Amino acid sequence: MRSAAFAVVIAGVLSVAVAGRAQEIVYEPGGGVTLPKVVREVRPQYPPEVMQSGVQGTVTLRCVVQRDGKPGDITVYESLEPRLDEAAVEAMKQWEFEPGQRSGMPVAVRIAVEMKFTLK
């Protein structure tokens, strides 16, 4: 049986946007805004049928780490395979962060997260 290995890369996304609900400003890391730090990382479940088919690669997600450290507005930026995309999003929903800061205060920060699905 094949086993799965995962790698996760987090990077800032260069955009400042206004998020829905409370019209909260979403910042980019840099320029006085710190990158959120992962406190709890949940690895995605590699669906057995996808593993058996040999599909490997990277799903890139974008999300907003909110002021409370929870990920929100999770979108698939670079798709790999629908079931792996879904697994990556479900895992991302469970992550927790120390939020990014601006002037010593927590702020919403948009990040990109790469989840790599590889077989050993």
Protein backbone atom coordinates (compact mmCIF):
# COMPACT_ATOMS: atom_id res chain seq x y z
CA MET A 1 0.00 0.00 0.00
CA ARG A 2 1.20 3.48 -0.77
CA SER A 3 1.61 6.04 1.95
CA ALA A 4 1.09 9.77 1.66
CA ALA A 5 3.40 12.60 2.56
CA PHE A 6 2.40 16.23 2.92
CA ALA A 7 4.22 19.51 2.80
CA VAL A 8 2.71 22.87 3.61
CA VAL A 9 4.01 26.26 2.53
CA ILE A 10 2.53 29.53 3.76
CA ALA A 11 3.14 32.80 2.02
CA GLY A 12 1.67 36.26 2.00
CA VAL A 13 -0.51 37.32 -0.89
CA LEU A 14 0.12 40.77 -2.20
CA SER A 15 -3.31 42.36 -2.03
CA VAL A 16 -5.30 44.56 0.28
CA ALA A 17 -9.02 43.99 0.02
CA VAL A 18 -12.19 44.69 1.90
CA ALA A 19 -13.81 41.52 3.18
CA GLY A 20 -17.56 41.03 3.22
CA ARG A 21 -19.50 40.94 6.49
CA ALA A 22 -18.23 43.81 8.63
CA GLN A 23 -16.28 45.50 5.83
CA GLU A 24 -13.08 44.64 7.67
CA ILE A 25 -9.85 45.59 5.94
CA VAL A 26 -7.80 42.57 4.91
CA TYR A 27 -4.08 43.30 4.92
CA GLU A 28 -1.10 41.81 3.18
CA PRO A 29 2.00 40.79 5.15
CA GLY A 30 4.83 43.31 5.06
CA GLY A 31 4.90 47.06 5.47
CA GLY A 32 4.35 46.75 9.21
CA VAL A 33 1.92 43.82 8.98
CA THR A 34 3.20 40.49 10.32
CA LEU A 35 2.49 37.11 8.77
CA PRO A 36 0.16 34.91 10.87
CA LYS A 37 1.84 31.99 12.64
CA VAL A 38 0.43 28.47 12.56
CA VAL A 39 -0.65 27.26 16.01
CA ARG A 40 -2.56 24.15 14.90
CA GLU A 41 -2.04 22.48 11.54
CA VAL A 42 -4.36 19.73 10.31
CA ARG A 43 -3.07 17.58 7.48
CA PRO A 44 -5.53 16.76 4.69
CA GLN A 45 -6.86 13.25 4.30
CA TYR A 46 -5.58 11.68 1.06
CA PRO A 47 -8.68 9.94 -0.37
CA PRO A 48 -7.78 6.25 -0.92
CA GLU A 49 -9.23 6.13 -4.44
CA VAL A 50 -7.16 9.16 -5.46
CA MET A 51 -4.08 7.66 -3.81
CA GLN A 52 -4.59 4.43 -5.76
CA SER A 53 -4.87 6.36 -9.02
CA GLY A 54 -1.44 7.88 -8.34
CA VAL A 55 -2.49 11.53 -8.47
CA GLN A 56 0.13 13.75 -6.79
CA GLY A 57 0.80 17.45 -6.72
CA THR A 58 -0.01 20.70 -4.98
CA VAL A 59 -3.28 22.41 -4.10
CA THR A 60 -2.82 26.13 -3.48
CA LEU A 61 -5.37 27.77 -1.22
CA ARG A 62 -5.90 31.39 -0.34
CA CYS A 63 -7.56 32.37 2.88
CA VAL A 64 -7.94 35.26 5.26
CA VAL A 65 -6.60 34.64 8.74
CA GLN A 66 -9.07 36.61 10.82
CA ARG A 67 -8.28 38.64 13.90
CA ASP A 68 -9.33 35.69 16.08
CA GLY A 69 -6.79 33.42 14.34
CA LYS A 70 -9.35 31.36 12.44
CA PRO A 71 -9.13 30.92 8.67
CA GLY A 72 -11.98 32.33 6.63
CA ASP A 73 -12.78 33.04 2.98
CA ILE A 74 -10.95 29.86 1.92
CA THR A 75 -10.69 29.45 -1.85
CA VAL A 76 -8.84 27.06 -4.12
CA TYR A 77 -6.39 29.21 -6.07
CA GLU A 78 -4.60 26.42 -7.96
CA SER A 79 -6.58 23.21 -8.32
CA LEU A 80 -5.11 19.72 -8.54
CA GLU A 81 -8.01 17.25 -8.50
CA PRO A 82 -11.50 17.98 -7.12
CA ARG A 83 -11.31 15.42 -4.28
CA LEU A 84 -7.84 16.63 -3.25
CA ASP A 85 -8.99 20.26 -3.47
CA GLU A 86 -11.88 19.40 -1.16
CA ALA A 87 -9.58 17.55 1.26
CA ALA A 88 -7.26 20.56 1.39
CA VAL A 89 -10.13 22.99 2.10
CA GLU A 90 -11.57 20.73 4.83
CA ALA A 91 -8.17 20.53 6.52
CA MET A 92 -7.63 24.30 6.24
CA LYS A 93 -10.94 24.98 8.01
CA GLN A 94 -9.50 23.29 11.11
CA TRP A 95 -6.26 25.26 11.28
CA GLU A 96 -5.61 27.83 13.98
CA PHE A 97 -3.22 30.77 13.83
CA GLU A 98 -1.69 33.46 15.94
CA PRO A 99 -3.11 36.33 13.88
CA GLY A 100 -0.99 38.79 11.96
CA GLN A 101 -0.50 42.16 13.61
CA ARG A 102 -0.29 45.79 12.59
CA SER A 103 0.87 48.34 15.15
CA GLY A 104 0.67 45.65 17.84
CA MET A 105 -3.00 44.88 17.14
CA PRO A 106 -4.39 41.72 15.50
CA VAL A 107 -5.60 42.25 11.93
CA ALA A 108 -7.05 40.11 9.15
CA VAL A 109 -4.30 38.99 6.76
CA ARG A 110 -4.65 37.22 3.41
CA ILE A 111 -2.25 34.32 2.94
CA ALA A 112 -1.60 31.52 0.46
CA VAL A 113 -1.11 27.95 1.63
CA GLU A 114 0.28 25.16 -0.53
CA MET A 115 -0.71 21.63 0.42
CA LYS A 116 1.39 19.04 -1.40
CA PHE A 117 0.06 15.55 -1.91
CA THR A 118 2.83 13.04 -2.61
CA LEU A 119 3.06 9.27 -2.56
CA LYS A 120 6.01 7.36 -1.14
